[in-house]
Amino acid sequence: MQILDLMIFGNRVQDWALALLVFIATFLVLPLVRGRIRARQLKWRSSSGHPPLELLSLLASRTSRLVLLSAALYFAKKWLVLSPRVDQALNVIVVVGVAVQLAIWSTTALRFLIERHYSRAGKDDSGARASVGVLMVIVQVMVWGTFALLALDNLDYSITPLIAGMGVGGIAIALAVQTILGDLFSSMSIALDKPFVEGDSLKIDDIEGTVEKIGIKSTRLRSVTGEQIILSNADVLKSRVRNMGRMKEKRVLFRLQVAYENEPDKVERISGIIRDVVAARPGTRFAHCQLVALTPDAMEFEVVYWVDSQSGVNHGATVDAINRGIVREFSAAGIVFGYPTQRLLMKQAAAS
């Protein structure tokens, strides 16, 4: 056929037709494959025993139309002889599209692996989200920077001077923002080592509060008095951090005094009375009640018991109820509390 042999822009009509068919077929087939995978995405996600299939469905959902267009143009231009300028323009589109898609796939796969690691380890959801957020910022910068350099290299740009310049500039920037970098690496240390997570109650030096957010540069606490306290991550790691949110039990220690006027049998009953009062409260564990000192004013007992911190027991209400119970039981048993006393001995002068 003479029409198919006609030359248009240096290519026969037949070649243009074949290139168009390849472009349309590629641009239609790839979305169909992606749609088929995405249709089974929910089923694969619900199947915890097939993480590769779950990852495949996730990557398919993160496949952009730019890479589909790049693939279609790449296969179509194989059938044509194009001018150097047009060929270069199409090559730029293909290389950029592939680099962008590979970067998206890489960050998606890394996020999937990190989140799966935390979920398999049974980490707290809020803490895992904070950790993943910090790690993904670093990962995305590294991945996108790497694929940007690879794209420039494939486009025949010399990246050696660029890498050298980035090295020198990186050193200068690092020296200028070393405080920020210190907080950044500290946030990574917090994310990996997890000394605390969001929701934990911390005591840092003279500051006490609940962790609201773990950011890249700072950690935010809601103090017991209501205000928000912002601490740099580097300062947090340099301090002695007491994580009260991970206490299984909280110890209560106090001393009480009873008067010497109490009879010996009443004194013997004191330990048993206090043990029974503590045992009557749910979420408590009695340790001891011992007569530890005989002061000038009274007999002094040391009482120690533990309150469960992870079963929802209100610590303040428990201590209040136990103290009231001790007062009530002592009153019923006729035991008198000690109080400061001073005896004054007076001698009557002899009559003159």
C-alpha atoms as a PDB file:
ATOM      1  CA  MET A   1       0.000   0.000   0.000  1.00  0.00           C
ATOM      2  CA  GLN A   2       1.415   3.345  -1.078  1.00  0.00           C
ATOM      3  CA  ILE A   3      -0.137   5.256   1.858  1.00  0.00           C
ATOM      4  CA  LEU A   4       1.737   3.133   4.382  1.00  0.00           C
ATOM      5  CA  ASP A   5       4.983   3.876   2.593  1.00  0.00           C
ATOM      6  CA  LEU A   6       4.564   7.641   2.732  1.00  0.00           C
ATOM      7  CA  MET A   7       7.294   9.426   4.692  1.00  0.00           C
ATOM      8  CA  ILE A   8       6.279  11.788   7.512  1.00  0.00           C
ATOM      9  CA  PHE A   9       9.025  13.455   9.549  1.00  0.00           C
ATOM     10  CA  GLY A  10      11.515  10.881   8.378  1.00  0.00           C
ATOM     11  CA  ASN A  11       9.358   7.828   9.185  1.00  0.00           C
ATOM     12  CA  ARG A  12       6.867   5.837   7.156  1.00  0.00           C
ATOM     13  CA  VAL A  13       3.183   5.960   7.978  1.00  0.00           C
ATOM     14  CA  GLN A  14       3.434   2.252   8.762  1.00  0.00           C
ATOM     15  CA  ASP A  15       6.066   2.969  11.415  1.00  0.00           C
ATOM     16  CA  TRP A  16       3.983   5.778  12.893  1.00  0.00           C
ATOM     17  CA  ALA A  17       0.981   3.452  13.027  1.00  0.00           C
ATOM     18  CA  LEU A  18       2.976   0.708  14.758  1.00  0.00           C
ATOM     19  CA  ALA A  19       4.429   3.191  17.251  1.00  0.00           C
ATOM     20  CA  LEU A  20       0.929   4.507  17.997  1.00  0.00           C
ATOM     21  CA  LEU A  21      -0.407   0.980  18.503  1.00  0.00           C
ATOM     22  CA  VAL A  22       2.482   0.147  20.846  1.00  0.00           C
ATOM     23  CA  PHE A  23       1.914   3.384  22.775  1.00  0.00           C
ATOM     24  CA  ILE A  24      -1.841   2.775  23.116  1.00  0.00           C
ATOM     25  CA  ALA A  25      -1.391  -0.894  24.001  1.00  0.00           C
ATOM     26  CA  THR A  26       1.230  -0.117  26.633  1.00  0.00           C
ATOM     27  CA  PHE A  27      -0.738   2.775  28.073  1.00  0.00           C
ATOM     28  CA  LEU A  28      -3.846   0.580  28.315  1.00  0.00           C
ATOM     29  CA  VAL A  29      -2.320  -2.733  29.414  1.00  0.00           C
ATOM     30  CA  LEU A  30      -0.254  -1.348  32.286  1.00  0.00           C
ATOM     31  CA  PRO A  31      -3.229   0.459  33.922  1.00  0.00           C
ATOM     32  CA  LEU A  32      -5.256  -2.763  33.589  1.00  0.00           C
ATOM     33  CA  VAL A  33      -2.536  -4.709  35.390  1.00  0.00           C
ATOM     34  CA  ARG A  34      -2.330  -2.037  38.066  1.00  0.00           C
ATOM     35  CA  GLY A  35      -6.112  -2.016  38.465  1.00  0.00           C
ATOM     36  CA  ARG A  36      -6.169  -5.809  38.777  1.00  0.00           C
ATOM     37  CA  ILE A  37      -3.583  -5.707  41.534  1.00  0.00           C
ATOM     38  CA  ARG A  38      -5.338  -2.858  43.344  1.00  0.00           C
ATOM     39  CA  ALA A  39      -8.636  -4.773  43.153  1.00  0.00           C
ATOM     40  CA  ARG A  40      -7.072  -7.532  45.245  1.00  0.00           C
ATOM     41  CA  GLN A  41      -5.335  -5.086  47.568  1.00  0.00           C
ATOM     42  CA  LEU A  42      -7.833  -5.348  50.447  1.00  0.00           C
ATOM     43  CA  LYS A  43      -7.781  -9.136  50.327  1.00  0.00           C
ATOM     44  CA  TRP A  44      -3.989  -9.245  50.453  1.00  0.00           C
ATOM     45  CA  ARG A  45      -3.846  -6.708  53.258  1.00  0.00           C
ATOM     46  CA  SER A  46      -6.227  -8.789  55.371  1.00  0.00           C
ATOM     47  CA  SER A  47      -3.993 -11.811  54.844  1.00  0.00           C
ATOM     48  CA  SER A  48      -1.188 -11.253  57.355  1.00  0.00           C
ATOM     49  CA  GLY A  49       0.608 -14.374  56.140  1.00  0.00           C
ATOM     50  CA  HIS A  50       1.483 -12.904  52.722  1.00  0.00           C
ATOM     51  CA  PRO A  51       3.548  -9.737  53.227  1.00  0.00           C
ATOM     52  CA  PRO A  52       5.067  -9.910  49.681  1.00  0.00           C
ATOM     53  CA  LEU A  53       1.581  -9.739  48.160  1.00  0.00           C
ATOM     54  CA  GLU A  54       0.651  -6.913  50.501  1.00  0.00           C
ATOM     55  CA  LEU A  55       3.788  -5.030  49.475  1.00  0.00           C
ATOM     56  CA  LEU A  56       3.041  -5.654  45.786  1.00  0.00           C
ATOM     57  CA  SER A  57      -0.455  -4.224  46.151  1.00  0.00           C
ATOM     58  CA  LEU A  58       0.951  -1.221  48.001  1.00  0.00           C
ATOM     59  CA  LEU A  59       3.510  -0.559  45.260  1.00  0.00           C
ATOM     60  CA  ALA A  60       0.791  -0.869  42.614  1.00  0.00           C
ATOM     61  CA  SER A  61      -1.300   1.739  44.402  1.00  0.00           C
ATOM     62  CA  ARG A  62       1.721   4.052  44.438  1.00  0.00           C
ATOM     63  CA  THR A  63       2.367   3.709  40.697  1.00  0.00           C
ATOM     64  CA  SER A  64       1.808   7.073  39.016  1.00  0.00           C
ATOM     65  CA  ARG A  65       0.587   7.770  35.514  1.00  0.00           C
ATOM     66  CA  LEU A  66       3.894   9.492  34.806  1.00  0.00           C
ATOM     67  CA  VAL A  67       5.744   6.187  34.790  1.00  0.00           C
ATOM     68  CA  LEU A  68       3.044   4.596  32.635  1.00  0.00           C
ATOM     69  CA  LEU A  69       3.435   7.423  30.135  1.00  0.00           C
ATOM     70  CA  SER A  70       7.220   7.061  30.272  1.00  0.00           C
ATOM     71  CA  ALA A  71       7.019   3.323  29.613  1.00  0.00           C
ATOM     72  CA  ALA A  72       4.618   3.836  26.701  1.00  0.00           C
ATOM     73  CA  LEU A  73       6.853   6.493  25.126  1.00  0.00           C
ATOM     74  CA  TYR A  74       9.950   4.317  25.611  1.00  0.00           C
ATOM     75  CA  PHE A  75       8.463   1.339  23.761  1.00  0.00           C
ATOM     76  CA  ALA A  76       6.826   3.479  21.084  1.00  0.00           C
ATOM     77  CA  LYS A  77       9.960   5.406  20.110  1.00  0.00           C
ATOM     78  CA  LYS A  78      11.773   2.139  19.382  1.00  0.00           C
ATOM     79  CA  TRP A  79       9.801   1.961  16.117  1.00  0.00           C
ATOM     80  CA  LEU A  80      10.721   5.445  14.971  1.00  0.00           C
ATOM     81  CA  VAL A  81      13.764   7.372  13.854  1.00  0.00           C
ATOM     82  CA  LEU A  82      13.493  10.778  15.487  1.00  0.00           C
ATOM     83  CA  SER A  83      15.530  13.938  15.352  1.00  0.00           C
ATOM     84  CA  PRO A  84      18.182  14.311  18.042  1.00  0.00           C
ATOM     85  CA  ARG A  85      16.249  17.098  19.746  1.00  0.00           C
ATOM     86  CA  VAL A  86      12.976  15.165  19.906  1.00  0.00           C
ATOM     87  CA  ASP A  87      14.773  11.992  20.924  1.00  0.00           C
ATOM     88  CA  GLN A  88      16.546  13.880  23.709  1.00  0.00           C
ATOM     89  CA  ALA A  89      13.266  15.375  24.944  1.00  0.00           C
ATOM     90  CA  LEU A  90      11.595  11.953  25.038  1.00  0.00           C
ATOM     91  CA  ASN A  91      14.651  10.501  26.761  1.00  0.00           C
ATOM     92  CA  VAL A  92      14.425  13.187  29.461  1.00  0.00           C
ATOM     93  CA  ILE A  93      10.733  12.365  30.024  1.00  0.00           C
ATOM     94  CA  VAL A  94      11.466   8.640  30.285  1.00  0.00           C
ATOM     95  CA  VAL A  95      14.469   9.009  32.606  1.00  0.00           C
ATOM     96  CA  VAL A  96      12.747  11.519  34.907  1.00  0.00           C
ATOM     97  CA  GLY A  97       9.574   9.450  35.017  1.00  0.00           C
ATOM     98  CA  VAL A  98      11.424   6.236  35.852  1.00  0.00           C
ATOM     99  CA  ALA A  99      13.593   7.967  38.490  1.00  0.00           C
ATOM    100  CA  VAL A 100      10.570   9.538  40.189  1.00  0.00           C
ATOM    101  CA  GLN A 101       8.689   6.241  40.202  1.00  0.00           C
ATOM    102  CA  LEU A 102      11.653   4.280  41.555  1.00  0.00           C
ATOM    103  CA  ALA A 103      12.058   6.824  44.337  1.00  0.00           C
ATOM    104  CA  ILE A 104       8.357   6.541  45.225  1.00  0.00           C
ATOM    105  CA  TRP A 105       8.543   2.736  45.205  1.00  0.00           C
ATOM    106  CA  SER A 106      11.700   2.749  47.334  1.00  0.00           C
ATOM    107  CA  THR A 107      10.292   5.049  50.036  1.00  0.00           C
ATOM    108  CA  THR A 108       7.004   3.098  50.031  1.00  0.00           C
ATOM    109  CA  ALA A 109       8.799  -0.237  50.449  1.00  0.00           C
ATOM    110  CA  LEU A 110      11.032   1.110  53.210  1.00  0.00           C
ATOM    111  CA  ARG A 111       8.048   2.570  55.082  1.00  0.00           C
ATOM    112  CA  PHE A 112       6.253  -0.774  54.756  1.00  0.00           C
ATOM    113  CA  LEU A 113       9.251  -2.675  56.149  1.00  0.00           C
ATOM    114  CA  ILE A 114       9.754  -0.227  59.049  1.00  0.00           C
ATOM    115  CA  GLU A 115       6.072  -0.258  60.024  1.00  0.00           C
ATOM    116  CA  ARG A 116       5.978  -4.049  59.779  1.00  0.00           C
ATOM    117  CA  HIS A 117       9.027  -4.256  62.042  1.00  0.00           C
ATOM    118  CA  TYR A 118       7.315  -2.155  64.720  1.00  0.00           C
ATOM    119  CA  SER A 119       4.012  -4.013  64.418  1.00  0.00           C
ATOM    120  CA  ARG A 120       5.703  -7.406  64.745  1.00  0.00           C
ATOM    121  CA  ALA A 121       7.600  -6.131  67.787  1.00  0.00           C
ATOM    122  CA  GLY A 122       4.311  -5.126  69.393  1.00  0.00           C
ATOM    123  CA  LYS A 123       5.216  -1.448  69.735  1.00  0.00           C
ATOM    124  CA  ASP A 124       2.762   1.187  70.840  1.00  0.00           C
ATOM    125  CA  ASP A 125       0.865   2.735  67.894  1.00  0.00           C
ATOM    126  CA  SER A 126       1.576   6.368  68.765  1.00  0.00           C
ATOM    127  CA  GLY A 127       5.217   5.613  69.447  1.00  0.00           C
ATOM    128  CA  ALA A 128       5.526   3.681  66.203  1.00  0.00           C
ATOM    129  CA  ARG A 129       4.042   6.556  64.221  1.00  0.00           C
ATOM    130  CA  ALA A 130       6.487   9.001  65.770  1.00  0.00           C
ATOM    131  CA  SER A 131       9.428   6.704  65.088  1.00  0.00           C
ATOM    132  CA  VAL A 132       8.391   6.054  61.498  1.00  0.00           C
ATOM    133  CA  GLY A 133       7.905   9.777  60.905  1.00  0.00           C
ATOM    134  CA  VAL A 134      11.410  10.603  62.088  1.00  0.00           C
ATOM    135  CA  LEU A 135      13.060   7.776  60.142  1.00  0.00           C
ATOM    136  CA  MET A 136      11.150   8.459  56.935  1.00  0.00           C
ATOM    137  CA  VAL A 137      12.323  12.079  56.803  1.00  0.00           C
ATOM    138  CA  ILE A 138      15.935  10.858  56.690  1.00  0.00           C
ATOM    139  CA  VAL A 139      15.125   8.022  54.294  1.00  0.00           C
ATOM    140  CA  GLN A 140      13.256  10.234  51.833  1.00  0.00           C
ATOM    141  CA  VAL A 141      16.071  12.787  51.650  1.00  0.00           C
ATOM    142  CA  MET A 142      18.616  10.049  50.957  1.00  0.00           C
ATOM    143  CA  VAL A 143      16.467   8.152  48.426  1.00  0.00           C
ATOM    144  CA  TRP A 144      15.351  11.183  46.436  1.00  0.00           C
ATOM    145  CA  GLY A 145      18.874  12.602  46.404  1.00  0.00           C
ATOM    146  CA  THR A 146      20.290   9.297  45.128  1.00  0.00           C
ATOM    147  CA  PHE A 147      17.759   8.902  42.311  1.00  0.00           C
ATOM    148  CA  ALA A 148      18.162  12.553  41.322  1.00  0.00           C
ATOM    149  CA  LEU A 149      21.899  11.965  40.851  1.00  0.00           C
ATOM    150  CA  LEU A 150      21.244   8.737  38.915  1.00  0.00           C
ATOM    151  CA  ALA A 151      18.804  10.546  36.623  1.00  0.00           C
ATOM    152  CA  LEU A 152      21.354  13.283  35.890  1.00  0.00           C
ATOM    153  CA  ASP A 153      24.000  10.654  35.212  1.00  0.00           C
ATOM    154  CA  ASN A 154      21.718   8.840  32.736  1.00  0.00           C
ATOM    155  CA  LEU A 155      21.082  12.142  30.971  1.00  0.00           C
ATOM    156  CA  ASP A 156      24.865  12.428  30.353  1.00  0.00           C
ATOM    157  CA  TYR A 157      25.429  15.160  32.914  1.00  0.00           C
ATOM    158  CA  SER A 158      28.712  14.976  34.795  1.00  0.00           C
ATOM    159  CA  ILE A 159      27.770  14.492  38.432  1.00  0.00           C
ATOM    160  CA  THR A 160      31.335  14.228  39.776  1.00  0.00           C
ATOM    161  CA  PRO A 161      31.755  18.017  40.290  1.00  0.00           C
ATOM    162  CA  LEU A 162      28.228  18.104  41.733  1.00  0.00           C
ATOM    163  CA  ILE A 163      29.032  15.372  44.257  1.00  0.00           C
ATOM    164  CA  ALA A 164      32.293  17.090  45.186  1.00  0.00           C
ATOM    165  CA  GLY A 165      30.520  20.407  45.598  1.00  0.00           C
ATOM    166  CA  MET A 166      27.805  18.761  47.666  1.00  0.00           C
ATOM    167  CA  GLY A 167      30.496  17.237  49.888  1.00  0.00           C
ATOM    168  CA  VAL A 168      32.182  20.574  50.541  1.00  0.00           C
ATOM    169  CA  GLY A 169      28.867  22.356  50.906  1.00  0.00           C
ATOM    170  CA  GLY A 170      27.598  19.598  53.174  1.00  0.00           C
ATOM    171  CA  ILE A 171      30.535  20.087  55.529  1.00  0.00           C
ATOM    172  CA  ALA A 172      29.946  23.842  55.632  1.00  0.00           C
ATOM    173  CA  ILE A 173      26.231  23.395  56.224  1.00  0.00           C
ATOM    174  CA  ALA A 174      26.888  20.775  58.909  1.00  0.00           C
ATOM    175  CA  LEU A 175      29.144  23.185  60.784  1.00  0.00           C
ATOM    176  CA  ALA A 176      26.558  25.949  60.488  1.00  0.00           C
ATOM    177  CA  VAL A 177      23.618  23.857  61.674  1.00  0.00           C
ATOM    178  CA  GLN A 178      25.378  21.459  64.026  1.00  0.00           C
ATOM    179  CA  THR A 179      22.835  22.177  66.766  1.00  0.00           C
ATOM    180  CA  ILE A 180      19.962  21.229  64.473  1.00  0.00           C
ATOM    181  CA  LEU A 181      21.842  18.139  63.313  1.00  0.00           C
ATOM    182  CA  GLY A 182      22.467  17.196  66.938  1.00  0.00           C
ATOM    183  CA  ASP A 183      18.721  17.345  67.612  1.00  0.00           C
ATOM    184  CA  LEU A 184      18.066  15.407  64.397  1.00  0.00           C
ATOM    185  CA  PHE A 185      20.392  12.553  65.322  1.00  0.00           C
ATOM    186  CA  SER A 186      19.004  12.623  68.848  1.00  0.00           C
ATOM    187  CA  SER A 187      15.503  12.177  67.428  1.00  0.00           C
ATOM    188  CA  MET A 188      16.779   9.176  65.472  1.00  0.00           C
ATOM    189  CA  SER A 189      18.252   7.771  68.674  1.00  0.00           C
ATOM    190  CA  ILE A 190      14.921   8.236  70.447  1.00  0.00           C
ATOM    191  CA  ALA A 191      13.104   6.593  67.542  1.00  0.00           C
ATOM    192  CA  LEU A 192      15.406   3.569  67.466  1.00  0.00           C
ATOM    193  CA  ASP A 193      16.156   3.082  71.164  1.00  0.00           C
ATOM    194  CA  LYS A 194      12.665   4.190  72.327  1.00  0.00           C
ATOM    195  CA  PRO A 195      13.463   5.308  75.897  1.00  0.00           C
ATOM    196  CA  PHE A 196       9.948   6.776  75.877  1.00  0.00           C
ATOM    197  CA  VAL A 197       6.948   7.092  73.562  1.00  0.00           C
ATOM    198  CA  GLU A 198       4.014   9.458  73.248  1.00  0.00           C
ATOM    199  CA  GLY A 199       1.762   9.172  76.277  1.00  0.00           C
ATOM    200  CA  ASP A 200       4.519   8.261  78.737  1.00  0.00           C
ATOM    201  CA  SER A 201       4.831  10.290  81.931  1.00  0.00           C
ATOM    202  CA  LEU A 202       8.382  11.633  82.307  1.00  0.00           C
ATOM    203  CA  LYS A 203      10.358  13.422  84.972  1.00  0.00           C
ATOM    204  CA  ILE A 204      13.365  15.254  83.518  1.00  0.00           C
ATOM    205  CA  ASP A 205      15.367  17.080  86.204  1.00  0.00           C
ATOM    206  CA  ASP A 206      12.768  19.398  87.780  1.00  0.00           C
ATOM    207  CA  ILE A 207      10.268  19.032  84.903  1.00  0.00           C
ATOM    208  CA  GLU A 208       7.412  16.544  85.068  1.00  0.00           C
ATOM    209  CA  GLY A 209       4.806  15.940  82.394  1.00  0.00           C
ATOM    210  CA  THR A 210       3.291  13.682  79.736  1.00  0.00           C
ATOM    211  CA  VAL A 211       4.843  13.300  76.263  1.00  0.00           C
ATOM    212  CA  GLU A 212       2.549  14.865  73.664  1.00  0.00           C
ATOM    213  CA  LYS A 213       4.753  14.751  70.569  1.00  0.00           C
ATOM    214  CA  ILE A 214       8.214  13.541  69.607  1.00  0.00           C
ATOM    215  CA  GLY A 215       9.374  15.702  66.703  1.00  0.00           C
ATOM    216  CA  ILE A 216      12.496  15.893  64.590  1.00  0.00           C
ATOM    217  CA  LYS A 217      13.989  18.728  66.632  1.00  0.00           C
ATOM    218  CA  SER A 218      12.100  18.777  69.926  1.00  0.00           C
ATOM    219  CA  THR A 219       9.984  16.786  72.329  1.00  0.00           C
ATOM    220  CA  ARG A 220       6.855  18.397  73.747  1.00  0.00           C
ATOM    221  CA  LEU A 221       5.571  17.672  77.239  1.00  0.00           C
ATOM    222  CA  ARG A 222       2.308  18.663  78.868  1.00  0.00           C
ATOM    223  CA  SER A 223       3.336  19.490  82.418  1.00  0.00           C
ATOM    224  CA  VAL A 224       1.353  18.552  85.501  1.00  0.00           C
ATOM    225  CA  THR A 225       0.454  22.227  85.940  1.00  0.00           C
ATOM    226  CA  GLY A 226      -1.039  22.440  82.436  1.00  0.00           C
ATOM    227  CA  GLU A 227       1.491  24.335  80.317  1.00  0.00           C
ATOM    228  CA  GLN A 228       3.334  22.835  77.359  1.00  0.00           C
ATOM    229  CA  ILE A 229       7.102  22.458  77.756  1.00  0.00           C
ATOM    230  CA  ILE A 230       9.290  22.179  74.651  1.00  0.00           C
ATOM    231  CA  LEU A 231      12.687  20.504  75.070  1.00  0.00           C
ATOM    232  CA  SER A 232      15.311  19.910  72.387  1.00  0.00           C
ATOM    233  CA  ASN A 233      15.952  16.235  71.748  1.00  0.00           C
ATOM    234  CA  ALA A 234      19.676  16.646  72.436  1.00  0.00           C
ATOM    235  CA  ASP A 235      18.957  18.154  75.867  1.00  0.00           C
ATOM    236  CA  VAL A 236      16.530  15.335  76.664  1.00  0.00           C
ATOM    237  CA  LEU A 237      19.126  12.640  75.956  1.00  0.00           C
ATOM    238  CA  LYS A 238      21.733  14.472  78.024  1.00  0.00           C
ATOM    239  CA  SER A 239      19.427  14.561  81.061  1.00  0.00           C
ATOM    240  CA  ARG A 240      18.461  11.875  83.538  1.00  0.00           C
ATOM    241  CA  VAL A 241      15.034  10.832  82.300  1.00  0.00           C
ATOM    242  CA  ARG A 242      12.686   9.024  84.655  1.00  0.00           C
ATOM    243  CA  ASN A 243       9.979   7.243  82.695  1.00  0.00           C
ATOM    244  CA  MET A 244       7.124   6.864  85.132  1.00  0.00           C
ATOM    245  CA  GLY A 245       4.808   5.688  82.370  1.00  0.00           C
ATOM    246  CA  ARG A 246       6.508   2.285  82.375  1.00  0.00           C
ATOM    247  CA  MET A 247       6.228   1.711  86.106  1.00  0.00           C
ATOM    248  CA  LYS A 248       4.447  -1.567  86.813  1.00  0.00           C
ATOM    249  CA  GLU A 249       4.007  -0.584  90.451  1.00  0.00           C
ATOM    250  CA  LYS A 250       4.486   2.604  92.405  1.00  0.00           C
ATOM    251  CA  ARG A 251       5.824   2.386  95.960  1.00  0.00           C
ATOM    252  CA  VAL A 252       4.189   4.256  98.810  1.00  0.00           C
ATOM    253  CA  LEU A 253       6.333   4.774 101.922  1.00  0.00           C
ATOM    254  CA  PHE A 254       5.353   6.727 104.984  1.00  0.00           C
ATOM    255  CA  ARG A 255       5.908   6.732 108.739  1.00  0.00           C
ATOM    256  CA  LEU A 256       3.315   7.051 111.449  1.00  0.00           C
ATOM    257  CA  GLN A 257       3.695   7.561 115.171  1.00  0.00           C
ATOM    258  CA  VAL A 258       1.654   6.065 118.003  1.00  0.00           C
ATOM    259  CA  ALA A 259       1.685   7.262 121.569  1.00  0.00           C
ATOM    260  CA  TYR A 260       3.479   5.427 124.333  1.00  0.00           C
ATOM    261  CA  GLU A 261       0.200   5.379 126.248  1.00  0.00           C
ATOM    262  CA  ASN A 262      -1.049   2.542 123.994  1.00  0.00           C
ATOM    263  CA  GLU A 263      -1.031  -0.849 125.674  1.00  0.00           C
ATOM    264  CA  PRO A 264       1.442  -3.476 124.349  1.00  0.00           C
ATOM    265  CA  ASP A 265      -1.279  -5.710 122.884  1.00  0.00           C
ATOM    266  CA  LYS A 266      -2.613  -2.754 120.857  1.00  0.00           C
ATOM    267  CA  VAL A 267       0.886  -2.036 119.580  1.00  0.00           C
ATOM    268  CA  GLU A 268       1.163  -5.690 118.468  1.00  0.00           C
ATOM    269  CA  ARG A 269      -2.054  -5.331 116.434  1.00  0.00           C
ATOM    270  CA  ILE A 270      -0.874  -2.298 114.440  1.00  0.00           C
ATOM    271  CA  SER A 271       0.953  -4.227 111.682  1.00  0.00           C
ATOM    272  CA  GLY A 272      -2.001  -6.552 111.127  1.00  0.00           C
ATOM    273  CA  ILE A 273      -4.497  -3.695 111.007  1.00  0.00           C
ATOM    274  CA  ILE A 274      -2.499  -1.798 108.379  1.00  0.00           C
ATOM    275  CA  ARG A 275      -1.943  -4.998 106.344  1.00  0.00           C
ATOM    276  CA  ASP A 276      -5.682  -5.671 106.256  1.00  0.00           C
ATOM    277  CA  VAL A 277      -6.511  -2.082 105.265  1.00  0.00           C
ATOM    278  CA  VAL A 278      -4.020  -2.179 102.357  1.00  0.00           C
ATOM    279  CA  ALA A 279      -5.152  -5.646 101.199  1.00  0.00           C
ATOM    280  CA  ALA A 280      -8.768  -4.472 101.080  1.00  0.00           C
ATOM    281  CA  ARG A 281      -7.976  -2.053  98.246  1.00  0.00           C
ATOM    282  CA  PRO A 282      -7.791  -3.556  94.707  1.00  0.00           C
ATOM    283  CA  GLY A 283      -4.494  -3.171  92.863  1.00  0.00           C
ATOM    284  CA  THR A 284      -2.334  -2.941  95.984  1.00  0.00           C
ATOM    285  CA  ARG A 285       0.387  -5.160  97.434  1.00  0.00           C
ATOM    286  CA  PHE A 286       1.422  -4.906 101.080  1.00  0.00           C
ATOM    287  CA  ALA A 287       5.170  -4.950 101.778  1.00  0.00           C
ATOM    288  CA  HIS A 288       5.777  -4.372 105.506  1.00  0.00           C
ATOM    289  CA  CYS A 289       4.882  -2.420 108.610  1.00  0.00           C
ATOM    290  CA  GLN A 290       7.749  -2.291 111.101  1.00  0.00           C
ATOM    291  CA  LEU A 291       8.494  -0.512 114.362  1.00  0.00           C
ATOM    292  CA  VAL A 292      11.655   1.292 113.296  1.00  0.00           C
ATOM    293  CA  ALA A 293      12.249   3.902 115.995  1.00  0.00           C
ATOM    294  CA  LEU A 294      11.439   4.836 119.571  1.00  0.00           C
ATOM    295  CA  THR A 295      11.538   8.598 119.548  1.00  0.00           C
ATOM    296  CA  PRO A 296      11.275  10.804 122.636  1.00  0.00           C
ATOM    297  CA  ASP A 297       7.689  11.588 121.686  1.00  0.00           C
ATOM    298  CA  ALA A 298       6.240   8.367 120.268  1.00  0.00           C
ATOM    299  CA  MET A 299       6.791   4.948 118.711  1.00  0.00           C
ATOM    300  CA  GLU A 300       7.450   5.272 114.970  1.00  0.00           C
ATOM    301  CA  PHE A 301       6.316   2.676 112.397  1.00  0.00           C
ATOM    302  CA  GLU A 302       7.455   2.494 108.772  1.00  0.00           C
ATOM    303  CA  VAL A 303       4.776   1.375 106.286  1.00  0.00           C
ATOM    304  CA  VAL A 304       5.504   0.308 102.676  1.00  0.00           C
ATOM    305  CA  TYR A 305       3.037  -0.938 100.081  1.00  0.00           C
ATOM    306  CA  TRP A 306       2.786  -0.948  96.266  1.00  0.00           C
ATOM    307  CA  VAL A 307       0.041   0.358  93.968  1.00  0.00           C
ATOM    308  CA  ASP A 308      -0.416  -1.158  90.503  1.00  0.00           C
ATOM    309  CA  SER A 309       0.249   1.495  87.831  1.00  0.00           C
ATOM    310  CA  GLN A 310      -0.967  -0.424  84.758  1.00  0.00           C
ATOM    311  CA  SER A 311      -4.432  -1.671  85.727  1.00  0.00           C
ATOM    312  CA  GLY A 312      -6.200   1.679  85.750  1.00  0.00           C
ATOM    313  CA  VAL A 313      -6.069   2.060  89.537  1.00  0.00           C
ATOM    314  CA  ASN A 314      -6.201   5.695  90.645  1.00  0.00           C
ATOM    315  CA  HIS A 315      -3.066   6.160  92.727  1.00  0.00           C
ATOM    316  CA  GLY A 316      -4.214   9.249  94.619  1.00  0.00           C
ATOM    317  CA  ALA A 317      -7.626   7.783  95.435  1.00  0.00           C
ATOM    318  CA  THR A 318      -6.014   4.552  96.649  1.00  0.00           C
ATOM    319  CA  VAL A 319      -3.613   6.346  99.006  1.00  0.00           C
ATOM    320  CA  ASP A 320      -6.461   8.514 100.325  1.00  0.00           C
ATOM    321  CA  ALA A 321      -8.692   5.495 100.971  1.00  0.00           C
ATOM    322  CA  ILE A 322      -5.916   3.606 102.782  1.00  0.00           C
ATOM    323  CA  ASN A 323      -5.071   6.586 105.003  1.00  0.00           C
ATOM    324  CA  ARG A 324      -8.716   7.057 105.920  1.00  0.00           C
ATOM    325  CA  GLY A 325      -9.023   3.327 106.611  1.00  0.00           C
ATOM    326  CA  ILE A 326      -6.045   3.415 108.979  1.00  0.00           C
ATOM    327  CA  VAL A 327      -7.545   6.338 110.906  1.00  0.00           C
ATOM    328  CA  ARG A 328     -10.899   4.572 111.118  1.00  0.00           C
ATOM    329  CA  GLU A 329      -9.470   1.223 112.258  1.00  0.00           C
ATOM    330  CA  PHE A 330      -7.153   2.851 114.816  1.00  0.00           C
ATOM    331  CA  SER A 331     -10.096   4.725 116.281  1.00  0.00           C
ATOM    332  CA  ALA A 332     -12.149   1.520 116.493  1.00  0.00           C
ATOM    333  CA  ALA A 333      -9.248  -0.325 118.173  1.00  0.00           C
ATOM    334  CA  GLY A 334      -8.589   2.512 120.630  1.00  0.00           C
ATOM    335  CA  ILE A 335      -5.062   3.146 119.302  1.00  0.00           C
ATOM    336  CA  VAL A 336      -3.868   6.699 119.904  1.00  0.00           C
ATOM    337  CA  PHE A 337      -1.637   8.435 117.385  1.00  0.00           C
ATOM    338  CA  GLY A 338       1.539  10.013 118.654  1.00  0.00           C
ATOM    339  CA  TYR A 339       2.040  13.738 118.817  1.00  0.00           C
ATOM    340  CA  PRO A 340       4.860  15.970 120.042  1.00  0.00           C
ATOM    341  CA  THR A 341       4.878  16.109 123.833  1.00  0.00           C
ATOM    342  CA  GLN A 342       7.176  17.547 126.423  1.00  0.00           C
ATOM    343  CA  ARG A 343       7.136  16.736 130.122  1.00  0.00           C
ATOM    344  CA  LEU A 344       8.071  19.423 132.608  1.00  0.00           C
ATOM    345  CA  LEU A 345       9.179  18.181 136.046  1.00  0.00           C
ATOM    346  CA  MET A 346       8.752  20.769 138.759  1.00  0.00           C
ATOM    347  CA  LYS A 347      10.125  20.395 142.275  1.00  0.00           C
ATOM    348  CA  GLN A 348       8.474  22.213 145.099  1.00  0.00           C
ATOM    349  CA  ALA A 349      10.923  24.315 147.042  1.00  0.00           C
ATOM    350  CA  ALA A 350      11.384  23.331 150.710  1.00  0.00           C
ATOM    351  CA  ALA A 351       9.582  25.542 153.176  1.00  0.00           C
ATOM    352  CA  SER A 352      11.944  27.911 154.816  1.00  0.00           C
END
